[in-house]
């Protein structure tokens, strides 16, 4: 079993005006030229900002599973995640297909420029698992049919697709929709509801009254999978806030407490100027 871990990094200012494909901050897999065996790849608690595309997944490795957990993604021109998984049929082992991808507990601030998730190619030939779970998508633009994720632009796909516990909101650009025909599980998502987050820095603290607080009653199984495989507990966010296996947690990458918005200060008494 081959495994890779890329965690707690700051990846920033990745631009290429001549070729947009080369403006990708992190490529999770790029192995369409051949099959290399099973692989688990983990991207944990990174800050990715100022780039064309934050993550691009182009896996064809047999049984590969990619986990993108707890990242903050901000100021992206194209997409937070460009999903191009498909099978490979040219190797000596016949057709090889990845197992799937989990995109969970991320905070995505598209700054009204990029989409949340861009599905570039219809994955043909395998029942891959895709889970979009417990994320905050903020100010992402329309990727197709009113959605910030363009899964809707394809016909029926051979995916097991789970979309749960996400908050999706933009301040302009029309209401956000998710077409139910695309999903096997579509539950507990908040669309067009302001997440009430502090966008002034890369922490994205939840503000008082945020609907993202304690939205995720059943955390993604990726966390227990990591513990089982490697004997380590990764239930900790970028700021060091931790939680337990039974915790109800916030949507997004910040598991800290609510930041109370301070009240406005009372007006000062007038100053009388006397000549």
C-alpha atoms as a PDB file:
ATOM      1  CA  UNK A   1       0.000   0.000   0.000  1.00  0.00           C
ATOM      2  CA  UNK A   2       1.442   3.372  -1.040  1.00  0.00           C
ATOM      3  CA  UNK A   3       0.458   6.473   0.931  1.00  0.00           C
ATOM      4  CA  UNK A   4       1.274  10.163   0.750  1.00  0.00           C
ATOM      5  CA  UNK A   5       0.508  13.013   3.151  1.00  0.00           C
ATOM      6  CA  UNK A   6       0.658  16.741   2.387  1.00  0.00           C
ATOM      7  CA  UNK A   7      -0.386  18.736   5.439  1.00  0.00           C
ATOM      8  CA  UNK A   8      -0.261  22.165   7.108  1.00  0.00           C
ATOM      9  CA  UNK A   9       1.407  23.974   4.231  1.00  0.00           C
ATOM     10  CA  UNK A  10       0.830  27.463   2.855  1.00  0.00           C
ATOM     11  CA  UNK A  11       0.612  27.314  -0.943  1.00  0.00           C
ATOM     12  CA  UNK A  12       0.077  30.671  -2.624  1.00  0.00           C
ATOM     13  CA  UNK A  13       0.434  32.881  -5.701  1.00  0.00           C
ATOM     14  CA  UNK A  14       0.286  30.212  -8.386  1.00  0.00           C
ATOM     15  CA  UNK A  15      -0.602  31.933 -11.657  1.00  0.00           C
ATOM     16  CA  UNK A  16       0.144  31.354 -15.336  1.00  0.00           C
ATOM     17  CA  UNK A  17      -1.370  33.826 -17.753  1.00  0.00           C
ATOM     18  CA  UNK A  18      -0.256  31.801 -20.798  1.00  0.00           C
ATOM     19  CA  UNK A  19      -1.617  28.380 -19.799  1.00  0.00           C
ATOM     20  CA  UNK A  20      -4.345  28.137 -17.175  1.00  0.00           C
ATOM     21  CA  UNK A  21      -3.703  24.421 -16.559  1.00  0.00           C
ATOM     22  CA  UNK A  22      -0.301  25.385 -15.166  1.00  0.00           C
ATOM     23  CA  UNK A  23      -1.888  27.657 -12.572  1.00  0.00           C
ATOM     24  CA  UNK A  24      -2.834  24.740 -10.319  1.00  0.00           C
ATOM     25  CA  UNK A  25      -1.576  24.959  -6.750  1.00  0.00           C
ATOM     26  CA  UNK A  26      -1.792  21.249  -5.827  1.00  0.00           C
ATOM     27  CA  UNK A  27      -2.146  18.250  -8.152  1.00  0.00           C
ATOM     28  CA  UNK A  28      -3.372  15.304  -6.106  1.00  0.00           C
ATOM     29  CA  UNK A  29      -2.702  12.679  -8.789  1.00  0.00           C
ATOM     30  CA  UNK A  30      -1.483  12.890 -12.366  1.00  0.00           C
ATOM     31  CA  UNK A  31      -0.987   9.298 -13.481  1.00  0.00           C
ATOM     32  CA  UNK A  32      -3.071   8.876 -16.608  1.00  0.00           C
ATOM     33  CA  UNK A  33       0.034   7.617 -18.425  1.00  0.00           C
ATOM     34  CA  UNK A  34       0.015   4.324 -16.509  1.00  0.00           C
ATOM     35  CA  UNK A  35      -1.125   2.340 -13.485  1.00  0.00           C
ATOM     36  CA  UNK A  36       1.128   2.224 -10.407  1.00  0.00           C
ATOM     37  CA  UNK A  37      -0.913   0.260  -7.846  1.00  0.00           C
ATOM     38  CA  UNK A  38      -3.001   1.163  -4.837  1.00  0.00           C
ATOM     39  CA  UNK A  39      -2.475   4.518  -3.166  1.00  0.00           C
ATOM     40  CA  UNK A  40      -3.991   6.636  -0.437  1.00  0.00           C
ATOM     41  CA  UNK A  41      -3.262  10.354  -0.668  1.00  0.00           C
ATOM     42  CA  UNK A  42      -4.085  12.847   2.101  1.00  0.00           C
ATOM     43  CA  UNK A  43      -4.180  16.651   1.931  1.00  0.00           C
ATOM     44  CA  UNK A  44      -4.772  17.969   5.443  1.00  0.00           C
ATOM     45  CA  UNK A  45      -5.187  21.461   6.931  1.00  0.00           C
ATOM     46  CA  UNK A  46      -3.421  23.436   4.205  1.00  0.00           C
ATOM     47  CA  UNK A  47      -3.934  27.094   3.336  1.00  0.00           C
ATOM     48  CA  UNK A  48      -4.177  27.527  -0.442  1.00  0.00           C
ATOM     49  CA  UNK A  49      -4.704  31.047  -1.761  1.00  0.00           C
ATOM     50  CA  UNK A  50      -4.176  33.236  -4.797  1.00  0.00           C
ATOM     51  CA  UNK A  51      -4.109  30.625  -7.534  1.00  0.00           C
ATOM     52  CA  UNK A  52      -5.928  29.574 -10.676  1.00  0.00           C
ATOM     53  CA  UNK A  53      -7.076  26.178  -9.332  1.00  0.00           C
ATOM     54  CA  UNK A  54      -6.459  25.031  -5.758  1.00  0.00           C
ATOM     55  CA  UNK A  55      -6.651  21.225  -6.171  1.00  0.00           C
ATOM     56  CA  UNK A  56      -6.733  19.140  -9.327  1.00  0.00           C
ATOM     57  CA  UNK A  57      -7.457  15.423  -9.187  1.00  0.00           C
ATOM     58  CA  UNK A  58      -6.583  13.373 -12.286  1.00  0.00           C
ATOM     59  CA  UNK A  59      -6.212   9.897 -10.833  1.00  0.00           C
ATOM     60  CA  UNK A  60      -6.423   6.622 -12.732  1.00  0.00           C
ATOM     61  CA  UNK A  61      -4.445   4.484 -10.273  1.00  0.00           C
ATOM     62  CA  UNK A  62      -6.345   1.327  -9.381  1.00  0.00           C
ATOM     63  CA  UNK A  63      -8.053   1.550  -5.982  1.00  0.00           C
ATOM     64  CA  UNK A  64      -6.603   5.011  -5.266  1.00  0.00           C
ATOM     65  CA  UNK A  65      -8.494   7.095  -2.755  1.00  0.00           C
ATOM     66  CA  UNK A  66      -7.835  10.827  -2.346  1.00  0.00           C
ATOM     67  CA  UNK A  67      -8.736  12.729   0.826  1.00  0.00           C
ATOM     68  CA  UNK A  68      -8.845  16.548   0.919  1.00  0.00           C
ATOM     69  CA  UNK A  69      -9.699  17.492   4.508  1.00  0.00           C
ATOM     70  CA  UNK A  70      -9.723  20.668   6.598  1.00  0.00           C
ATOM     71  CA  UNK A  71      -8.161  23.043   4.076  1.00  0.00           C
ATOM     72  CA  UNK A  72      -8.799  26.754   3.673  1.00  0.00           C
ATOM     73  CA  UNK A  73      -9.011  27.747   0.007  1.00  0.00           C
ATOM     74  CA  UNK A  74      -9.336  31.422  -0.875  1.00  0.00           C
ATOM     75  CA  UNK A  75      -9.130  33.820  -3.803  1.00  0.00           C
ATOM     76  CA  UNK A  76      -9.235  31.218  -6.559  1.00  0.00           C
ATOM     77  CA  UNK A  77      -9.694  32.240 -10.202  1.00  0.00           C
ATOM     78  CA  UNK A  78     -10.901  28.930 -11.672  1.00  0.00           C
ATOM     79  CA  UNK A  79     -11.993  26.263  -9.149  1.00  0.00           C
ATOM     80  CA  UNK A  80     -11.309  25.065  -5.629  1.00  0.00           C
ATOM     81  CA  UNK A  81     -11.320  21.487  -6.931  1.00  0.00           C
ATOM     82  CA  UNK A  82     -10.983  20.414 -10.547  1.00  0.00           C
ATOM     83  CA  UNK A  83     -12.179  16.818 -10.686  1.00  0.00           C
ATOM     84  CA  UNK A  84     -10.994  14.819 -13.714  1.00  0.00           C
ATOM     85  CA  UNK A  85     -10.893  11.258 -12.416  1.00  0.00           C
ATOM     86  CA  UNK A  86     -11.340   8.546 -15.021  1.00  0.00           C
ATOM     87  CA  UNK A  87     -10.132   5.027 -15.818  1.00  0.00           C
ATOM     88  CA  UNK A  88      -6.993   4.058 -17.713  1.00  0.00           C
ATOM     89  CA  UNK A  89      -7.126   1.250 -20.264  1.00  0.00           C
ATOM     90  CA  UNK A  90      -3.634   1.216 -21.785  1.00  0.00           C
ATOM     91  CA  UNK A  91      -1.616  -0.596 -19.133  1.00  0.00           C
ATOM     92  CA  UNK A  92      -0.503  -4.221 -18.839  1.00  0.00           C
ATOM     93  CA  UNK A  93      -3.019  -4.757 -16.028  1.00  0.00           C
ATOM     94  CA  UNK A  94      -6.006  -3.890 -18.179  1.00  0.00           C
ATOM     95  CA  UNK A  95      -8.351  -1.157 -17.092  1.00  0.00           C
ATOM     96  CA  UNK A  96      -7.388   0.551 -13.836  1.00  0.00           C
ATOM     97  CA  UNK A  97      -9.776   2.862 -11.973  1.00  0.00           C
ATOM     98  CA  UNK A  98      -9.453   4.983  -8.833  1.00  0.00           C
ATOM     99  CA  UNK A  99     -11.720   4.220  -5.897  1.00  0.00           C
ATOM    100  CA  UNK A 100     -12.767   7.788  -5.341  1.00  0.00           C
ATOM    101  CA  UNK A 101     -12.361  11.075  -3.504  1.00  0.00           C
ATOM    102  CA  UNK A 102     -13.451  12.725  -0.249  1.00  0.00           C
ATOM    103  CA  UNK A 103     -13.614  16.529  -0.091  1.00  0.00           C
ATOM    104  CA  UNK A 104     -14.631  17.307   3.486  1.00  0.00           C
ATOM    105  CA  UNK A 105     -14.457  20.016   6.164  1.00  0.00           C
ATOM    106  CA  UNK A 106     -12.919  22.625   3.859  1.00  0.00           C
ATOM    107  CA  UNK A 107     -13.650  26.347   3.791  1.00  0.00           C
ATOM    108  CA  UNK A 108     -13.731  27.699   0.240  1.00  0.00           C
ATOM    109  CA  UNK A 109     -13.874  31.438  -0.463  1.00  0.00           C
ATOM    110  CA  UNK A 110     -13.998  31.917  -4.233  1.00  0.00           C
ATOM    111  CA  UNK A 111     -14.141  35.705  -4.010  1.00  0.00           C
ATOM    112  CA  UNK A 112     -16.803  35.729  -6.769  1.00  0.00           C
ATOM    113  CA  UNK A 113     -14.253  34.526  -9.348  1.00  0.00           C
ATOM    114  CA  UNK A 114     -14.070  30.716  -9.427  1.00  0.00           C
ATOM    115  CA  UNK A 115     -16.386  27.747  -9.027  1.00  0.00           C
ATOM    116  CA  UNK A 116     -16.419  25.476  -6.011  1.00  0.00           C
ATOM    117  CA  UNK A 117     -15.937  22.220  -7.934  1.00  0.00           C
ATOM    118  CA  UNK A 118     -15.361  21.853 -11.657  1.00  0.00           C
ATOM    119  CA  UNK A 119     -15.929  18.390 -13.169  1.00  0.00           C
ATOM    120  CA  UNK A 120     -13.934  18.462 -16.387  1.00  0.00           C
ATOM    121  CA  UNK A 121     -14.480  14.919 -17.625  1.00  0.00           C
ATOM    122  CA  UNK A 122     -17.224  12.377 -17.208  1.00  0.00           C
ATOM    123  CA  UNK A 123     -15.611   9.436 -15.341  1.00  0.00           C
ATOM    124  CA  UNK A 124     -16.546   6.385 -17.393  1.00  0.00           C
ATOM    125  CA  UNK A 125     -16.260   2.724 -16.481  1.00  0.00           C
ATOM    126  CA  UNK A 126     -16.208   2.506 -12.682  1.00  0.00           C
ATOM    127  CA  UNK A 127     -18.419   3.118  -9.679  1.00  0.00           C
ATOM    128  CA  UNK A 128     -16.192   5.608  -7.935  1.00  0.00           C
ATOM    129  CA  UNK A 129     -17.164   7.054  -4.554  1.00  0.00           C
ATOM    130  CA  UNK A 130     -17.254  10.838  -4.305  1.00  0.00           C
ATOM    131  CA  UNK A 131     -18.138  12.524  -1.020  1.00  0.00           C
ATOM    132  CA  UNK A 132     -18.588  16.285  -0.647  1.00  0.00           C
ATOM    133  CA  UNK A 133     -19.132  16.618   3.089  1.00  0.00           C
ATOM    134  CA  UNK A 134     -19.181  19.409   5.675  1.00  0.00           C
ATOM    135  CA  UNK A 135     -17.720  22.220   3.561  1.00  0.00           C
ATOM    136  CA  UNK A 136     -18.416  25.934   3.403  1.00  0.00           C
ATOM    137  CA  UNK A 137     -18.560  27.300  -0.148  1.00  0.00           C
ATOM    138  CA  UNK A 138     -18.620  31.105  -0.066  1.00  0.00           C
ATOM    139  CA  UNK A 139     -18.965  33.454  -3.028  1.00  0.00           C
ATOM    140  CA  UNK A 140     -18.383  30.803  -5.687  1.00  0.00           C
ATOM    141  CA  UNK A 141     -19.717  31.534  -9.168  1.00  0.00           C
ATOM    142  CA  UNK A 142     -22.117  29.520 -11.301  1.00  0.00           C
ATOM    143  CA  UNK A 143     -20.532  26.334 -12.660  1.00  0.00           C
ATOM    144  CA  UNK A 144     -23.610  25.065 -14.486  1.00  0.00           C
ATOM    145  CA  UNK A 145     -27.406  25.199 -14.160  1.00  0.00           C
ATOM    146  CA  UNK A 146     -27.283  27.545 -11.177  1.00  0.00           C
ATOM    147  CA  UNK A 147     -24.838  25.454  -9.158  1.00  0.00           C
ATOM    148  CA  UNK A 148     -21.392  26.387  -7.865  1.00  0.00           C
ATOM    149  CA  UNK A 149     -20.421  22.796  -8.727  1.00  0.00           C
ATOM    150  CA  UNK A 150     -20.780  21.683 -12.319  1.00  0.00           C
ATOM    151  CA  UNK A 151     -21.681  18.018 -11.772  1.00  0.00           C
ATOM    152  CA  UNK A 152     -24.961  19.050 -13.405  1.00  0.00           C
ATOM    153  CA  UNK A 153     -23.348  19.568 -16.804  1.00  0.00           C
ATOM    154  CA  UNK A 154     -23.017  15.819 -17.466  1.00  0.00           C
ATOM    155  CA  UNK A 155     -25.486  13.034 -18.090  1.00  0.00           C
ATOM    156  CA  UNK A 156     -25.903  10.208 -15.590  1.00  0.00           C
ATOM    157  CA  UNK A 157     -22.505   9.188 -14.246  1.00  0.00           C
ATOM    158  CA  UNK A 158     -21.273   5.879 -12.815  1.00  0.00           C
ATOM    159  CA  UNK A 159     -20.462   7.480  -9.449  1.00  0.00           C
ATOM    160  CA  UNK A 160     -21.727   6.899  -5.946  1.00  0.00           C
ATOM    161  CA  UNK A 161     -22.171  10.547  -5.074  1.00  0.00           C
ATOM    162  CA  UNK A 162     -22.751  11.833  -1.549  1.00  0.00           C
ATOM    163  CA  UNK A 163     -23.313  15.548  -0.918  1.00  0.00           C
ATOM    164  CA  UNK A 164     -24.095  16.297   2.746  1.00  0.00           C
ATOM    165  CA  UNK A 165     -23.677  18.938   5.469  1.00  0.00           C
ATOM    166  CA  UNK A 166     -22.463  21.709   3.156  1.00  0.00           C
ATOM    167  CA  UNK A 167     -23.149  25.449   3.341  1.00  0.00           C
ATOM    168  CA  UNK A 168     -23.222  27.185  -0.050  1.00  0.00           C
ATOM    169  CA  UNK A 169     -23.800  30.936  -0.316  1.00  0.00           C
ATOM    170  CA  UNK A 170     -22.830  33.894  -2.479  1.00  0.00           C
ATOM    171  CA  UNK A 171     -23.619  37.546  -2.008  1.00  0.00           C
ATOM    172  CA  UNK A 172     -24.448  38.070  -5.690  1.00  0.00           C
ATOM    173  CA  UNK A 173     -24.992  36.055  -8.853  1.00  0.00           C
ATOM    174  CA  UNK A 174     -28.405  34.533  -8.179  1.00  0.00           C
ATOM    175  CA  UNK A 175     -29.675  31.680  -6.059  1.00  0.00           C
ATOM    176  CA  UNK A 176     -27.672  28.461  -5.874  1.00  0.00           C
ATOM    177  CA  UNK A 177     -29.302  25.160  -6.832  1.00  0.00           C
ATOM    178  CA  UNK A 178     -28.333  21.489  -6.709  1.00  0.00           C
ATOM    179  CA  UNK A 179     -30.220  19.162  -9.025  1.00  0.00           C
ATOM    180  CA  UNK A 180     -31.249  16.083  -7.062  1.00  0.00           C
ATOM    181  CA  UNK A 181     -30.938  13.725 -10.040  1.00  0.00           C
ATOM    182  CA  UNK A 182     -27.138  13.869  -9.742  1.00  0.00           C
ATOM    183  CA  UNK A 183     -26.789  12.543  -6.191  1.00  0.00           C
ATOM    184  CA  UNK A 184     -27.193   9.237  -4.403  1.00  0.00           C
ATOM    185  CA  UNK A 185     -27.273  10.989  -1.012  1.00  0.00           C
ATOM    186  CA  UNK A 186     -28.239  14.663  -0.733  1.00  0.00           C
ATOM    187  CA  UNK A 187     -28.921  15.648   2.875  1.00  0.00           C
ATOM    188  CA  UNK A 188     -28.582  18.507   5.353  1.00  0.00           C
ATOM    189  CA  UNK A 189     -27.176  21.089   2.926  1.00  0.00           C
ATOM    190  CA  UNK A 190     -27.826  24.807   3.442  1.00  0.00           C
ATOM    191  CA  UNK A 191     -28.122  26.747   0.207  1.00  0.00           C
ATOM    192  CA  UNK A 192     -28.450  30.519  -0.040  1.00  0.00           C
ATOM    193  CA  UNK A 193     -28.070  30.899   3.738  1.00  0.00           C
ATOM    194  CA  UNK A 194     -25.334  33.331   4.845  1.00  0.00           C
ATOM    195  CA  UNK A 195     -22.713  31.311   6.755  1.00  0.00           C
ATOM    196  CA  UNK A 196     -21.796  34.270   8.986  1.00  0.00           C
ATOM    197  CA  UNK A 197     -18.026  33.845   8.830  1.00  0.00           C
ATOM    198  CA  UNK A 198     -15.224  36.315   9.432  1.00  0.00           C
ATOM    199  CA  UNK A 199     -13.564  36.761   6.025  1.00  0.00           C
ATOM    200  CA  UNK A 200     -10.979  39.243   7.278  1.00  0.00           C
ATOM    201  CA  UNK A 201      -8.227  36.633   7.653  1.00  0.00           C
ATOM    202  CA  UNK A 202      -7.417  33.020   6.769  1.00  0.00           C
ATOM    203  CA  UNK A 203      -9.025  31.543   9.902  1.00  0.00           C
ATOM    204  CA  UNK A 204     -12.654  32.107   8.848  1.00  0.00           C
ATOM    205  CA  UNK A 205     -14.024  32.060  12.376  1.00  0.00           C
ATOM    206  CA  UNK A 206     -17.753  31.480  12.686  1.00  0.00           C
ATOM    207  CA  UNK A 207     -19.658  34.505  13.921  1.00  0.00           C
ATOM    208  CA  UNK A 208     -22.520  34.561  16.377  1.00  0.00           C
ATOM    209  CA  UNK A 209     -25.616  32.929  14.891  1.00  0.00           C
ATOM    210  CA  UNK A 210     -23.736  31.071  12.133  1.00  0.00           C
ATOM    211  CA  UNK A 211     -25.810  28.186  10.707  1.00  0.00           C
ATOM    212  CA  UNK A 212     -22.523  26.343  10.025  1.00  0.00           C
ATOM    213  CA  UNK A 213     -21.989  25.831  13.768  1.00  0.00           C
ATOM    214  CA  UNK A 214     -22.561  22.185  14.800  1.00  0.00           C
ATOM    215  CA  UNK A 215     -24.071  21.414  11.396  1.00  0.00           C
ATOM    216  CA  UNK A 216     -22.192  18.111  10.995  1.00  0.00           C
ATOM    217  CA  UNK A 217     -23.731  15.610  13.372  1.00  0.00           C
ATOM    218  CA  UNK A 218     -21.881  12.621  11.910  1.00  0.00           C
ATOM    219  CA  UNK A 219     -18.314  13.430  10.897  1.00  0.00           C
ATOM    220  CA  UNK A 220     -16.876  11.899   7.753  1.00  0.00           C
ATOM    221  CA  UNK A 221     -15.450   8.403   8.136  1.00  0.00           C
ATOM    222  CA  UNK A 222     -12.150   9.592   6.603  1.00  0.00           C
ATOM    223  CA  UNK A 223     -10.987  10.601  10.079  1.00  0.00           C
ATOM    224  CA  UNK A 224     -11.491   7.142  11.544  1.00  0.00           C
ATOM    225  CA  UNK A 225      -9.994   5.614   8.381  1.00  0.00           C
ATOM    226  CA  UNK A 226      -6.755   7.536   8.932  1.00  0.00           C
ATOM    227  CA  UNK A 227      -6.637   6.457  12.581  1.00  0.00           C
ATOM    228  CA  UNK A 228      -7.197   2.813  11.646  1.00  0.00           C
ATOM    229  CA  UNK A 229      -4.579   2.826   8.887  1.00  0.00           C
ATOM    230  CA  UNK A 230      -1.802   4.776  10.581  1.00  0.00           C
ATOM    231  CA  UNK A 231      -2.577   4.812  14.328  1.00  0.00           C
ATOM    232  CA  UNK A 232      -2.778   8.623  14.431  1.00  0.00           C
ATOM    233  CA  UNK A 233      -5.721  10.898  15.203  1.00  0.00           C
ATOM    234  CA  UNK A 234      -6.081  13.822  12.774  1.00  0.00           C
ATOM    235  CA  UNK A 235      -9.175  15.347  14.399  1.00  0.00           C
ATOM    236  CA  UNK A 236      -7.537  18.760  14.707  1.00  0.00           C
ATOM    237  CA  UNK A 237      -7.947  21.893  12.570  1.00  0.00           C
ATOM    238  CA  UNK A 238      -5.351  24.393  11.312  1.00  0.00           C
ATOM    239  CA  UNK A 239      -5.689  26.458  14.507  1.00  0.00           C
ATOM    240  CA  UNK A 240      -5.158  23.488  16.815  1.00  0.00           C
ATOM    241  CA  UNK A 241      -8.799  22.974  17.818  1.00  0.00           C
ATOM    242  CA  UNK A 242      -9.517  19.272  18.312  1.00  0.00           C
ATOM    243  CA  UNK A 243     -12.627  17.142  18.582  1.00  0.00           C
ATOM    244  CA  UNK A 244     -13.556  13.565  19.447  1.00  0.00           C
ATOM    245  CA  UNK A 245     -15.012  10.692  17.466  1.00  0.00           C
ATOM    246  CA  UNK A 246     -18.510  11.456  18.763  1.00  0.00           C
ATOM    247  CA  UNK A 247     -18.408  15.252  18.452  1.00  0.00           C
ATOM    248  CA  UNK A 248     -20.913  17.280  16.496  1.00  0.00           C
ATOM    249  CA  UNK A 249     -18.691  19.642  14.520  1.00  0.00           C
ATOM    250  CA  UNK A 250     -18.906  22.797  12.434  1.00  0.00           C
ATOM    251  CA  UNK A 251     -19.075  22.874   8.686  1.00  0.00           C
ATOM    252  CA  UNK A 252     -15.847  24.236   7.257  1.00  0.00           C
ATOM    253  CA  UNK A 253     -12.222  24.115   8.341  1.00  0.00           C
ATOM    254  CA  UNK A 254     -12.533  25.980  11.651  1.00  0.00           C
ATOM    255  CA  UNK A 255     -13.656  23.973  14.681  1.00  0.00           C
ATOM    256  CA  UNK A 256     -13.161  26.769  17.190  1.00  0.00           C
ATOM    257  CA  UNK A 257     -15.919  28.382  19.170  1.00  0.00           C
ATOM    258  CA  UNK A 258     -18.203  31.140  17.962  1.00  0.00           C
ATOM    259  CA  UNK A 259     -16.661  34.594  17.789  1.00  0.00           C
ATOM    260  CA  UNK A 260     -19.145  37.047  19.291  1.00  0.00           C
ATOM    261  CA  UNK A 261     -19.553  40.165  17.203  1.00  0.00           C
ATOM    262  CA  UNK A 262     -18.788  43.127  19.466  1.00  0.00           C
ATOM    263  CA  UNK A 263     -21.575  45.691  19.821  1.00  0.00           C
ATOM    264  CA  UNK A 264     -21.133  49.105  18.284  1.00  0.00           C
ATOM    265  CA  UNK A 265     -19.633  51.654  20.658  1.00  0.00           C
ATOM    266  CA  UNK A 266     -21.991  54.420  21.794  1.00  0.00           C
ATOM    267  CA  UNK A 267     -21.493  57.740  20.064  1.00  0.00           C
ATOM    268  CA  UNK A 268     -19.065  60.137  21.707  1.00  0.00           C
ATOM    269  CA  UNK A 269     -20.335  63.280  23.333  1.00  0.00           C
ATOM    270  CA  UNK A 270     -20.156  66.321  21.075  1.00  0.00           C
ATOM    271  CA  UNK A 271     -17.118  68.579  21.462  1.00  0.00           C
ATOM    272  CA  UNK A 272     -17.886  72.272  21.842  1.00  0.00           C
ATOM    273  CA  UNK A 273     -15.383  74.571  20.247  1.00  0.00           C
ATOM    274  CA  UNK A 274     -15.175  77.966  21.906  1.00  0.00           C
ATOM    275  CA  UNK A 275     -13.408  80.832  20.211  1.00  0.00           C
END
